[in-house]
Amino acid sequence: MISPWDRWYSTSCCLCCHVRTGTIILGIWYMLINAVVLLILLSALNDPVQYRYHLTSSELGTDIDVMDDANICIATAISLLMILICGMATYGAYKQHAAWIIPFFCYQIFDFALNTLVAISVVVYPNTVQDYLQQLPGTFPYKEDIMSTNNMCLVFVVLLFIGCILSFKAYLIGCVWNCYRYVSGRGTTEVLVYVTTNDTTR
């Protein structure tokens, strides 16, 4: 009987790439995104007057400092950690070290769980969509037209959008998991071949 894990196992991913190649590309892509975020945050730390964003009283009725130095430092640390995790996944897939891929896989699971919680909160509390739209600045394009739409239609569109994102993230999780299985299985096969060769020689 074939287990569910073996049924979904494949060594190829989108565009007929190998799962190792797909994991390397995904790791590099995440590293580039986090590197850009890190540069923006470091620029904000270097020149806080230019990059500090205050919401005026005309938008929310209060003057709120969204990005203070503490939040920027925390975001910088998270970006550095993400670059490290993505670099580990890229290195692990390239050098075929399965243990290096696990932190990136765990991050993907965590990110998927957070997005799933967002979808559940939209289903349980559908009025949160309208509340979020009301908090947007008055200069947001098509804000009035969107708010005049039926609430159930807005919830359906948001759920459809989140569902597409979750499906794509689940596919990427499957690619990284298959890469991990391929790399770990390849290492086991090489050990078995080596042992058999030694036994035959003896």
N, C-alpha and C. Protein backbone atom coordinates (compact mmCIF):
# COMPACT_ATOMS: atom_id res chain seq x y z
N MET A 1 0.84 -1.19 0.00
CA MET A 1 0.00 0.00 0.00
C MET A 1 0.88 1.25 0.00
N ILE A 2 0.59 2.21 -0.88
CA ILE A 2 1.38 3.42 -1.01
C ILE A 2 0.93 4.44 0.02
N SER A 3 1.89 4.98 0.77
CA SER A 3 1.56 5.98 1.78
C SER A 3 1.22 7.31 1.10
N PRO A 4 0.48 8.20 1.78
CA PRO A 4 0.15 9.51 1.18
C PRO A 4 1.38 10.33 0.85
N TRP A 5 2.46 10.19 1.65
CA TRP A 5 3.68 10.95 1.38
C TRP A 5 4.31 10.51 0.07
N ASP A 6 4.33 9.17 -0.18
CA ASP A 6 4.92 8.66 -1.42
C ASP A 6 4.05 8.99 -2.63
N ARG A 7 2.74 9.12 -2.43
CA ARG A 7 1.84 9.39 -3.54
C ARG A 7 2.07 10.78 -4.11
N TRP A 8 2.42 11.75 -3.27
CA TRP A 8 2.64 13.12 -3.72
C TRP A 8 4.10 13.42 -4.00
N TYR A 9 4.97 12.40 -3.87
CA TYR A 9 6.40 12.63 -4.07
C TYR A 9 6.72 12.74 -5.56
N SER A 10 7.49 13.74 -5.92
CA SER A 10 7.92 13.94 -7.30
C SER A 10 9.25 14.66 -7.29
N THR A 11 10.09 14.38 -8.28
CA THR A 11 11.39 15.05 -8.37
C THR A 11 11.37 16.23 -9.32
N SER A 12 10.19 16.59 -9.84
CA SER A 12 10.09 17.73 -10.74
C SER A 12 9.06 18.71 -10.20
N CYS A 13 9.26 19.99 -10.52
CA CYS A 13 8.32 21.02 -10.10
C CYS A 13 7.97 21.88 -11.31
N CYS A 14 7.47 23.10 -11.10
CA CYS A 14 6.98 23.93 -12.19
C CYS A 14 8.06 24.16 -13.24
N LEU A 15 7.63 24.32 -14.49
CA LEU A 15 8.51 24.51 -15.64
C LEU A 15 9.45 23.33 -15.84
N CYS A 16 9.04 22.14 -15.35
CA CYS A 16 9.80 20.90 -15.51
C CYS A 16 11.20 20.99 -14.89
N CYS A 17 11.36 21.83 -13.89
CA CYS A 17 12.64 21.92 -13.18
C CYS A 17 12.73 20.78 -12.16
N HIS A 18 13.95 20.45 -11.80
CA HIS A 18 14.16 19.51 -10.71
C HIS A 18 13.83 20.21 -9.39
N VAL A 19 13.43 19.44 -8.40
CA VAL A 19 13.05 20.06 -7.13
C VAL A 19 14.25 20.75 -6.47
N ARG A 20 15.45 20.24 -6.70
CA ARG A 20 16.64 20.92 -6.18
C ARG A 20 16.79 22.30 -6.83
N THR A 21 16.62 22.35 -8.14
CA THR A 21 16.71 23.63 -8.86
C THR A 21 15.62 24.58 -8.39
N GLY A 22 14.40 24.07 -8.23
CA GLY A 22 13.30 24.90 -7.75
C GLY A 22 13.54 25.45 -6.36
N THR A 23 14.10 24.64 -5.47
CA THR A 23 14.38 25.10 -4.11
C THR A 23 15.49 26.14 -4.11
N ILE A 24 16.50 25.95 -4.95
CA ILE A 24 17.58 26.94 -5.05
C ILE A 24 17.03 28.27 -5.56
N ILE A 25 16.20 28.22 -6.61
CA ILE A 25 15.61 29.46 -7.15
C ILE A 25 14.73 30.13 -6.10
N LEU A 26 13.93 29.33 -5.38
CA LEU A 26 13.05 29.89 -4.35
C LEU A 26 13.85 30.52 -3.22
N GLY A 27 14.92 29.86 -2.80
CA GLY A 27 15.76 30.41 -1.74
C GLY A 27 16.42 31.71 -2.15
N ILE A 28 16.93 31.77 -3.39
CA ILE A 28 17.56 33.00 -3.89
C ILE A 28 16.53 34.12 -4.00
N TRP A 29 15.31 33.79 -4.46
CA TRP A 29 14.25 34.79 -4.59
C TRP A 29 13.88 35.39 -3.24
N TYR A 30 13.72 34.53 -2.22
CA TYR A 30 13.41 35.02 -0.87
C TYR A 30 14.56 35.85 -0.32
N MET A 31 15.81 35.44 -0.61
CA MET A 31 16.96 36.21 -0.14
C MET A 31 16.99 37.60 -0.76
N LEU A 32 16.68 37.69 -2.06
CA LEU A 32 16.66 39.00 -2.72
C LEU A 32 15.59 39.91 -2.14
N ILE A 33 14.40 39.36 -1.91
CA ILE A 33 13.31 40.17 -1.33
C ILE A 33 13.70 40.69 0.05
N ASN A 34 14.24 39.80 0.88
CA ASN A 34 14.62 40.21 2.24
C ASN A 34 15.83 41.13 2.23
N ALA A 35 16.70 41.01 1.24
CA ALA A 35 17.83 41.93 1.13
C ALA A 35 17.35 43.34 0.79
N VAL A 36 16.35 43.45 -0.10
CA VAL A 36 15.78 44.76 -0.43
C VAL A 36 15.12 45.37 0.79
N VAL A 37 14.35 44.55 1.54
CA VAL A 37 13.70 45.04 2.76
C VAL A 37 14.75 45.48 3.77
N LEU A 38 15.84 44.72 3.88
CA LEU A 38 16.90 45.07 4.82
C LEU A 38 17.56 46.39 4.45
N LEU A 39 17.79 46.62 3.15
CA LEU A 39 18.37 47.89 2.72
C LEU A 39 17.46 49.07 3.05
N ILE A 40 16.16 48.89 2.84
CA ILE A 40 15.20 49.96 3.18
C ILE A 40 15.21 50.24 4.68
N LEU A 41 15.25 49.18 5.48
CA LEU A 41 15.25 49.36 6.93
C LEU A 41 16.54 50.01 7.42
N LEU A 42 17.68 49.61 6.84
CA LEU A 42 18.94 50.23 7.23
C LEU A 42 18.98 51.70 6.82
N SER A 43 18.38 52.02 5.68
CA SER A 43 18.29 53.42 5.27
C SER A 43 17.42 54.21 6.23
N ALA A 44 16.35 53.57 6.71
CA ALA A 44 15.47 54.24 7.67
C ALA A 44 16.19 54.46 9.00
N LEU A 45 17.04 53.50 9.41
CA LEU A 45 17.80 53.69 10.64
C LEU A 45 18.86 54.78 10.48
N ASN A 46 19.43 54.86 9.28
CA ASN A 46 20.48 55.85 9.02
C ASN A 46 19.93 57.26 8.95
N ASP A 47 18.74 57.42 8.35
CA ASP A 47 18.13 58.74 8.21
C ASP A 47 16.67 58.66 8.67
N PRO A 48 16.42 58.62 9.98
CA PRO A 48 15.06 58.40 10.48
C PRO A 48 14.10 59.53 10.16
N VAL A 49 14.60 60.75 9.99
CA VAL A 49 13.71 61.88 9.73
C VAL A 49 13.06 61.74 8.36
N GLN A 50 13.81 61.27 7.38
CA GLN A 50 13.27 61.16 6.03
C GLN A 50 12.29 60.00 5.89
N TYR A 51 12.55 58.88 6.57
CA TYR A 51 11.76 57.67 6.37
C TYR A 51 10.67 57.46 7.41
N ARG A 52 10.66 58.27 8.48
CA ARG A 52 9.62 58.09 9.50
C ARG A 52 8.28 58.55 8.95
N TYR A 53 7.27 57.71 9.14
CA TYR A 53 5.95 57.97 8.56
C TYR A 53 4.94 58.23 9.66
N HIS A 54 4.35 59.43 9.66
CA HIS A 54 3.32 59.79 10.64
C HIS A 54 1.96 59.84 9.93
N LEU A 55 1.01 59.16 10.52
CA LEU A 55 -0.36 59.26 10.02
C LEU A 55 -0.98 60.53 10.58
N THR A 56 -1.46 61.39 9.72
CA THR A 56 -1.99 62.68 10.15
C THR A 56 -3.38 62.52 10.74
N SER A 57 -3.81 63.54 11.43
CA SER A 57 -5.12 63.50 12.08
C SER A 57 -6.25 63.47 11.06
N SER A 58 -5.99 63.92 9.84
CA SER A 58 -7.03 63.90 8.82
C SER A 58 -7.30 62.49 8.32
N GLU A 59 -6.37 61.54 8.55
CA GLU A 59 -6.55 60.18 8.06
C GLU A 59 -7.19 59.27 9.11
N LEU A 60 -6.65 59.30 10.33
CA LEU A 60 -7.18 58.40 11.35
C LEU A 60 -7.68 59.13 12.60
N GLY A 61 -7.53 60.45 12.61
CA GLY A 61 -7.98 61.18 13.77
C GLY A 61 -6.95 61.29 14.87
N THR A 62 -5.81 60.63 14.72
CA THR A 62 -4.74 60.69 15.71
C THR A 62 -3.41 60.78 15.00
N ASP A 63 -2.38 61.14 15.74
CA ASP A 63 -1.03 61.20 15.20
C ASP A 63 -0.26 60.01 15.74
N ILE A 64 -0.09 59.00 14.91
CA ILE A 64 0.52 57.74 15.35
C ILE A 64 1.86 57.57 14.66
N ASP A 65 2.89 57.26 15.44
CA ASP A 65 4.20 56.97 14.88
C ASP A 65 4.26 55.48 14.55
N VAL A 66 4.15 55.15 13.26
CA VAL A 66 4.05 53.76 12.84
C VAL A 66 5.38 53.05 12.97
N MET A 67 6.46 53.66 12.48
CA MET A 67 7.77 53.01 12.48
C MET A 67 8.73 53.76 13.39
N ASP A 68 8.83 53.33 14.65
CA ASP A 68 9.82 53.92 15.53
C ASP A 68 11.10 53.08 15.45
N ASP A 69 12.14 53.51 16.18
CA ASP A 69 13.43 52.85 16.09
C ASP A 69 13.37 51.40 16.56
N ALA A 70 12.58 51.11 17.58
CA ALA A 70 12.49 49.74 18.10
C ALA A 70 11.88 48.80 17.07
N ASN A 71 10.80 49.24 16.41
CA ASN A 71 10.18 48.40 15.39
C ASN A 71 11.11 48.18 14.20
N ILE A 72 11.86 49.22 13.83
CA ILE A 72 12.79 49.08 12.71
C ILE A 72 13.90 48.10 13.07
N CYS A 73 14.39 48.14 14.30
CA CYS A 73 15.43 47.21 14.73
C CYS A 73 14.92 45.77 14.73
N ILE A 74 13.69 45.57 15.19
CA ILE A 74 13.10 44.22 15.19
C ILE A 74 12.92 43.72 13.76
N ALA A 75 12.42 44.59 12.87
CA ALA A 75 12.24 44.19 11.47
C ALA A 75 13.58 43.90 10.81
N THR A 76 14.62 44.65 11.17
CA THR A 76 15.95 44.40 10.63
C THR A 76 16.48 43.04 11.07
N ALA A 77 16.27 42.71 12.34
CA ALA A 77 16.71 41.41 12.85
C ALA A 77 15.96 40.26 12.17
N ILE A 78 14.66 40.46 11.93
CA ILE A 78 13.88 39.42 11.25
C ILE A 78 14.36 39.25 9.81
N SER A 79 14.68 40.36 9.14
CA SER A 79 15.18 40.28 7.76
C SER A 79 16.51 39.55 7.70
N LEU A 80 17.40 39.84 8.66
CA LEU A 80 18.69 39.14 8.71
C LEU A 80 18.49 37.65 8.95
N LEU A 81 17.56 37.30 9.85
CA LEU A 81 17.28 35.90 10.13
C LEU A 81 16.72 35.20 8.89
N MET A 82 15.83 35.89 8.16
CA MET A 82 15.26 35.31 6.95
C MET A 82 16.32 35.10 5.87
N ILE A 83 17.25 36.05 5.73
CA ILE A 83 18.34 35.89 4.77
C ILE A 83 19.19 34.68 5.13
N LEU A 84 19.45 34.50 6.43
CA LEU A 84 20.22 33.34 6.89
C LEU A 84 19.50 32.03 6.59
N ILE A 85 18.19 31.97 6.89
CA ILE A 85 17.41 30.75 6.67
C ILE A 85 17.34 30.42 5.17
N CYS A 86 17.10 31.44 4.35
CA CYS A 86 17.03 31.21 2.90
C CYS A 86 18.39 30.81 2.33
N GLY A 87 19.45 31.41 2.86
CA GLY A 87 20.80 31.02 2.43
C GLY A 87 21.11 29.59 2.80
N MET A 88 20.66 29.16 4.00
CA MET A 88 20.86 27.77 4.41
C MET A 88 20.13 26.81 3.47
N ALA A 89 18.89 27.17 3.09
CA ALA A 89 18.12 26.30 2.18
C ALA A 89 18.79 26.22 0.81
N THR A 90 19.27 27.35 0.31
CA THR A 90 19.94 27.35 -0.99
C THR A 90 21.21 26.52 -0.94
N TYR A 91 21.99 26.70 0.11
CA TYR A 91 23.23 25.94 0.26
C TYR A 91 22.94 24.45 0.43
N GLY A 92 21.91 24.13 1.25
CA GLY A 92 21.57 22.73 1.47
C GLY A 92 21.10 22.03 0.22
N ALA A 93 20.31 22.74 -0.60
CA ALA A 93 19.85 22.12 -1.85
C ALA A 93 21.00 21.98 -2.85
N TYR A 94 21.90 22.96 -2.88
CA TYR A 94 23.02 22.92 -3.83
C TYR A 94 24.04 21.85 -3.46
N LYS A 95 24.39 21.80 -2.17
CA LYS A 95 25.40 20.83 -1.71
C LYS A 95 24.79 19.51 -1.27
N GLN A 96 23.47 19.39 -1.34
CA GLN A 96 22.74 18.18 -0.99
C GLN A 96 22.93 17.80 0.48
N HIS A 97 22.72 18.80 1.36
CA HIS A 97 22.69 18.59 2.80
C HIS A 97 21.25 18.79 3.26
N ALA A 98 20.57 17.69 3.57
CA ALA A 98 19.13 17.75 3.85
C ALA A 98 18.82 18.57 5.11
N ALA A 99 19.68 18.50 6.12
CA ALA A 99 19.39 19.19 7.38
C ALA A 99 19.35 20.71 7.21
N TRP A 100 20.06 21.25 6.23
CA TRP A 100 20.08 22.69 6.01
C TRP A 100 18.76 23.21 5.43
N ILE A 101 17.95 22.32 4.85
CA ILE A 101 16.69 22.72 4.22
C ILE A 101 15.56 22.83 5.25
N ILE A 102 15.69 22.16 6.39
CA ILE A 102 14.60 22.07 7.36
C ILE A 102 14.16 23.44 7.90
N PRO A 103 15.07 24.37 8.28
CA PRO A 103 14.59 25.66 8.79
C PRO A 103 13.72 26.43 7.80
N PHE A 104 14.08 26.38 6.52
CA PHE A 104 13.27 27.06 5.50
C PHE A 104 11.91 26.39 5.35
N PHE A 105 11.89 25.07 5.43
CA PHE A 105 10.63 24.34 5.36
C PHE A 105 9.74 24.69 6.55
N CYS A 106 10.32 24.80 7.74
CA CYS A 106 9.55 25.18 8.94
C CYS A 106 9.00 26.60 8.80
N TYR A 107 9.81 27.50 8.23
CA TYR A 107 9.31 28.86 7.99
C TYR A 107 8.11 28.85 7.05
N GLN A 108 8.18 28.02 6.00
CA GLN A 108 7.06 27.94 5.05
C GLN A 108 5.78 27.45 5.75
N ILE A 109 5.93 26.45 6.60
CA ILE A 109 4.78 25.93 7.34
C ILE A 109 4.19 27.02 8.25
N PHE A 110 5.06 27.76 8.94
CA PHE A 110 4.62 28.84 9.82
C PHE A 110 3.89 29.92 9.03
N ASP A 111 4.44 30.32 7.89
CA ASP A 111 3.81 31.34 7.04
C ASP A 111 2.46 30.86 6.52
N PHE A 112 2.39 29.59 6.12
CA PHE A 112 1.12 29.02 5.64
C PHE A 112 0.07 29.02 6.76
N ALA A 113 0.49 28.68 7.98
CA ALA A 113 -0.44 28.67 9.11
C ALA A 113 -0.98 30.07 9.41
N LEU A 114 -0.12 31.08 9.33
CA LEU A 114 -0.57 32.45 9.56
C LEU A 114 -1.59 32.89 8.52
N ASN A 115 -1.32 32.58 7.25
CA ASN A 115 -2.27 32.93 6.19
C ASN A 115 -3.59 32.18 6.34
N THR A 116 -3.52 30.95 6.81
CA THR A 116 -4.74 30.18 7.06
C THR A 116 -5.56 30.81 8.18
N LEU A 117 -4.88 31.30 9.22
CA LEU A 117 -5.58 31.98 10.31
C LEU A 117 -6.26 33.26 9.83
N VAL A 118 -5.60 33.97 8.89
CA VAL A 118 -6.22 35.17 8.32
C VAL A 118 -7.51 34.79 7.58
N ALA A 119 -7.45 33.71 6.80
CA ALA A 119 -8.64 33.27 6.07
C ALA A 119 -9.76 32.87 7.03
N ILE A 120 -9.40 32.18 8.11
CA ILE A 120 -10.41 31.76 9.09
C ILE A 120 -11.03 32.98 9.78
N SER A 121 -10.19 33.98 10.10
CA SER A 121 -10.72 35.19 10.75
C SER A 121 -11.67 35.94 9.84
N VAL A 122 -11.40 35.93 8.52
CA VAL A 122 -12.31 36.59 7.58
C VAL A 122 -13.65 35.86 7.52
N VAL A 123 -13.61 34.52 7.60
CA VAL A 123 -14.85 33.74 7.58
C VAL A 123 -15.65 33.94 8.87
N VAL A 124 -14.96 33.91 10.02
CA VAL A 124 -15.63 34.01 11.31
C VAL A 124 -16.13 35.44 11.57
N TYR A 125 -15.28 36.42 11.22
CA TYR A 125 -15.64 37.84 11.43
C TYR A 125 -15.63 38.57 10.09
N PRO A 126 -16.67 38.43 9.28
CA PRO A 126 -16.67 39.06 7.95
C PRO A 126 -16.65 40.58 7.99
N ASN A 127 -17.06 41.18 9.09
CA ASN A 127 -17.07 42.65 9.17
C ASN A 127 -15.67 43.24 9.28
N THR A 128 -14.65 42.40 9.51
CA THR A 128 -13.29 42.92 9.61
C THR A 128 -12.81 43.50 8.28
N VAL A 129 -13.36 43.02 7.17
CA VAL A 129 -12.98 43.55 5.86
C VAL A 129 -13.42 45.01 5.74
N GLN A 130 -14.67 45.29 6.13
CA GLN A 130 -15.16 46.67 6.11
C GLN A 130 -14.39 47.55 7.09
N ASP A 131 -14.08 47.01 8.27
CA ASP A 131 -13.32 47.78 9.25
C ASP A 131 -11.93 48.13 8.72
N TYR A 132 -11.32 47.19 8.03
CA TYR A 132 -10.00 47.45 7.46
C TYR A 132 -10.08 48.52 6.37
N LEU A 133 -11.11 48.44 5.55
CA LEU A 133 -11.27 49.44 4.48
C LEU A 133 -11.49 50.84 5.05
N GLN A 134 -12.21 50.93 6.16
CA GLN A 134 -12.44 52.24 6.77
C GLN A 134 -11.16 52.84 7.33
N GLN A 135 -10.19 52.02 7.70
CA GLN A 135 -8.93 52.51 8.24
C GLN A 135 -7.95 52.96 7.16
N LEU A 136 -8.25 52.64 5.90
CA LEU A 136 -7.36 53.06 4.82
C LEU A 136 -7.40 54.58 4.66
N PRO A 137 -6.30 55.19 4.18
CA PRO A 137 -6.30 56.65 3.96
C PRO A 137 -7.34 57.06 2.94
N GLY A 138 -7.79 58.30 3.03
CA GLY A 138 -8.79 58.81 2.09
C GLY A 138 -8.27 58.90 0.67
N THR A 139 -6.96 58.94 0.49
CA THR A 139 -6.37 59.01 -0.85
C THR A 139 -6.24 57.65 -1.51
N PHE A 140 -6.65 56.58 -0.82
CA PHE A 140 -6.54 55.23 -1.39
C PHE A 140 -7.45 55.14 -2.62
N PRO A 141 -6.92 54.65 -3.77
CA PRO A 141 -7.74 54.64 -5.00
C PRO A 141 -8.95 53.71 -4.89
N TYR A 142 -10.07 54.19 -5.37
CA TYR A 142 -11.33 53.45 -5.43
C TYR A 142 -11.82 53.00 -4.05
N LYS A 143 -11.47 53.74 -3.01
CA LYS A 143 -11.88 53.34 -1.67
C LYS A 143 -13.39 53.39 -1.52
N GLU A 144 -14.01 54.46 -1.98
CA GLU A 144 -15.46 54.61 -1.84
C GLU A 144 -16.21 53.57 -2.64
N ASP A 145 -15.72 53.27 -3.84
CA ASP A 145 -16.39 52.26 -4.68
C ASP A 145 -16.30 50.88 -4.04
N ILE A 146 -15.16 50.57 -3.45
CA ILE A 146 -15.00 49.26 -2.82
C ILE A 146 -15.89 49.15 -1.58
N MET A 147 -15.96 50.24 -0.80
CA MET A 147 -16.78 50.20 0.41
C MET A 147 -18.26 50.13 0.11
N SER A 148 -18.67 50.62 -1.06
CA SER A 148 -20.09 50.56 -1.42
C SER A 148 -20.51 49.18 -1.92
N THR A 149 -19.53 48.29 -2.14
CA THR A 149 -19.83 46.94 -2.59
C THR A 149 -20.44 46.13 -1.44
N ASN A 150 -21.25 45.14 -1.81
CA ASN A 150 -21.87 44.27 -0.82
C ASN A 150 -20.80 43.57 0.02
N ASN A 151 -21.05 43.46 1.33
CA ASN A 151 -20.06 42.89 2.25
C ASN A 151 -19.76 41.44 1.92
N MET A 152 -20.75 40.66 1.54
CA MET A 152 -20.53 39.25 1.21
C MET A 152 -19.68 39.10 -0.05
N CYS A 153 -19.87 40.01 -1.01
CA CYS A 153 -19.03 39.98 -2.22
C CYS A 153 -17.58 40.29 -1.88
N LEU A 154 -17.37 41.26 -0.98
CA LEU A 154 -16.02 41.59 -0.56
C LEU A 154 -15.36 40.40 0.15
N VAL A 155 -16.11 39.74 1.03
CA VAL A 155 -15.58 38.58 1.74
C VAL A 155 -15.23 37.46 0.76
N PHE A 156 -16.09 37.26 -0.23
CA PHE A 156 -15.83 36.22 -1.23
C PHE A 156 -14.57 36.53 -2.03
N VAL A 157 -14.41 37.78 -2.44
CA VAL A 157 -13.22 38.16 -3.21
C VAL A 157 -11.96 38.00 -2.37
N VAL A 158 -12.02 38.43 -1.11
CA VAL A 158 -10.86 38.30 -0.22
C VAL A 158 -10.52 36.83 0.01
N LEU A 159 -11.53 35.99 0.24
CA LEU A 159 -11.28 34.57 0.44
C LEU A 159 -10.74 33.91 -0.81
N LEU A 160 -11.23 34.33 -1.98
CA LEU A 160 -10.71 33.79 -3.24
C LEU A 160 -9.24 34.15 -3.42
N PHE A 161 -8.91 35.40 -3.10
CA PHE A 161 -7.53 35.86 -3.20
C PHE A 161 -6.63 35.11 -2.23
N ILE A 162 -7.08 34.97 -0.97
CA ILE A 162 -6.28 34.25 0.02
C ILE A 162 -6.17 32.78 -0.35
N GLY A 163 -7.25 32.21 -0.92
CA GLY A 163 -7.21 30.81 -1.35
C GLY A 163 -6.17 30.58 -2.44
N CYS A 164 -6.07 31.52 -3.39
CA CYS A 164 -5.05 31.39 -4.44
C CYS A 164 -3.64 31.47 -3.84
N ILE A 165 -3.47 32.38 -2.89
CA ILE A 165 -2.16 32.50 -2.23
C ILE A 165 -1.83 31.23 -1.46
N LEU A 166 -2.81 30.69 -0.73
CA LEU A 166 -2.57 29.47 0.04
C LEU A 166 -2.25 28.29 -0.87
N SER A 167 -2.94 28.19 -2.02
CA SER A 167 -2.66 27.10 -2.95
C SER A 167 -1.23 27.20 -3.48
N PHE A 168 -0.81 28.41 -3.82
CA PHE A 168 0.55 28.60 -4.32
C PHE A 168 1.59 28.30 -3.24
N LYS A 169 1.32 28.74 -2.01
CA LYS A 169 2.25 28.46 -0.92
C LYS A 169 2.30 26.97 -0.62
N ALA A 170 1.16 26.28 -0.69
CA ALA A 170 1.16 24.84 -0.46
C ALA A 170 1.97 24.12 -1.53
N TYR A 171 1.90 24.60 -2.78
CA TYR A 171 2.69 23.99 -3.85
C TYR A 171 4.19 24.19 -3.59
N LEU A 172 4.57 25.38 -3.15
CA LEU A 172 5.98 25.65 -2.84
C LEU A 172 6.46 24.80 -1.66
N ILE A 173 5.58 24.61 -0.67
CA ILE A 173 5.93 23.74 0.46
C ILE A 173 6.17 22.32 -0.04
N GLY A 174 5.32 21.86 -0.95
CA GLY A 174 5.50 20.52 -1.52
C GLY A 174 6.82 20.39 -2.28
N CYS A 175 7.19 21.44 -3.01
CA CYS A 175 8.46 21.41 -3.76
C CYS A 175 9.65 21.30 -2.82
N VAL A 176 9.65 22.11 -1.75
CA VAL A 176 10.76 22.08 -0.80
C VAL A 176 10.80 20.74 -0.06
N TRP A 177 9.62 20.22 0.29
CA TRP A 177 9.56 18.92 0.97
C TRP A 177 10.09 17.81 0.07
N ASN A 178 9.71 17.82 -1.21
CA ASN A 178 10.22 16.82 -2.14
C ASN A 178 11.72 16.95 -2.34
N CYS A 179 12.23 18.19 -2.32
CA CYS A 179 13.67 18.39 -2.41
C CYS A 179 14.36 17.79 -1.19
N TYR A 180 13.78 18.02 -0.01
CA TYR A 180 14.35 17.44 1.21
C TYR A 180 14.36 15.92 1.13
N ARG A 181 13.27 15.33 0.67
CA ARG A 181 13.19 13.87 0.57
C ARG A 181 14.17 13.34 -0.47
N TYR A 182 14.32 14.07 -1.58
CA TYR A 182 15.25 13.64 -2.61
C TYR A 182 16.69 13.67 -2.10
N VAL A 183 17.05 14.78 -1.44
CA VAL A 183 18.42 14.92 -0.94
C VAL A 183 18.72 13.91 0.15
N SER A 184 17.79 13.74 1.10
CA SER A 184 18.02 12.77 2.17
C SER A 184 18.03 11.34 1.64
N GLY A 185 17.15 11.04 0.68
CA GLY A 185 17.14 9.71 0.08
C GLY A 185 18.39 9.42 -0.74
N ARG A 186 18.90 10.44 -1.41
CA ARG A 186 20.11 10.28 -2.20
C ARG A 186 21.31 9.99 -1.31
N GLY A 187 21.35 10.68 -0.16
CA GLY A 187 22.44 10.43 0.79
C GLY A 187 22.39 9.01 1.33
N THR A 188 21.19 8.49 1.63
CA THR A 188 21.04 7.13 2.12
C THR A 188 21.45 6.12 1.07
N THR A 189 21.07 6.38 -0.19
CA THR A 189 21.42 5.46 -1.27
C THR A 189 22.92 5.40 -1.47
N GLU A 190 23.60 6.54 -1.38
CA GLU A 190 25.05 6.55 -1.55
C GLU A 190 25.74 5.76 -0.45
N VAL A 191 25.21 5.85 0.79
CA VAL A 191 25.79 5.09 1.89
C VAL A 191 25.60 3.60 1.67
N LEU A 192 24.40 3.20 1.21
CA LEU A 192 24.13 1.79 0.97
C LEU A 192 25.00 1.22 -0.14
N VAL A 193 25.19 1.98 -1.20
CA VAL A 193 26.04 1.53 -2.30
C VAL A 193 27.48 1.37 -1.83
N TYR A 194 27.94 2.29 -1.00
CA TYR A 194 29.30 2.24 -0.49
C TYR A 194 29.51 1.00 0.38
N VAL A 195 28.52 0.70 1.25
CA VAL A 195 28.63 -0.46 2.12
C VAL A 195 28.61 -1.74 1.30
N THR A 196 27.74 -1.82 0.30
CA THR A 196 27.65 -3.01 -0.53
C THR A 196 28.96 -3.23 -1.29
N THR A 197 29.55 -2.18 -1.78
CA THR A 197 30.80 -2.28 -2.52
C THR A 197 31.92 -2.81 -1.61
N ASN A 198 31.97 -2.31 -0.39
CA ASN A 198 32.99 -2.78 0.55
C ASN A 198 32.79 -4.24 0.90
N ASP A 199 31.52 -4.64 1.11
CA ASP A 199 31.25 -6.04 1.43
C ASP A 199 31.62 -6.95 0.28
N THR A 200 31.35 -6.50 -0.93
CA THR A 200 31.68 -7.30 -2.11
C THR A 200 33.19 -7.45 -2.26
N THR A 201 33.91 -6.36 -1.96
CA THR A 201 35.35 -6.39 -2.08
C THR A 201 35.95 -7.34 -1.06
N ARG A 202 35.42 -7.31 0.14
CA ARG A 202 35.91 -8.22 1.17
C ARG A 202 35.55 -9.66 0.83
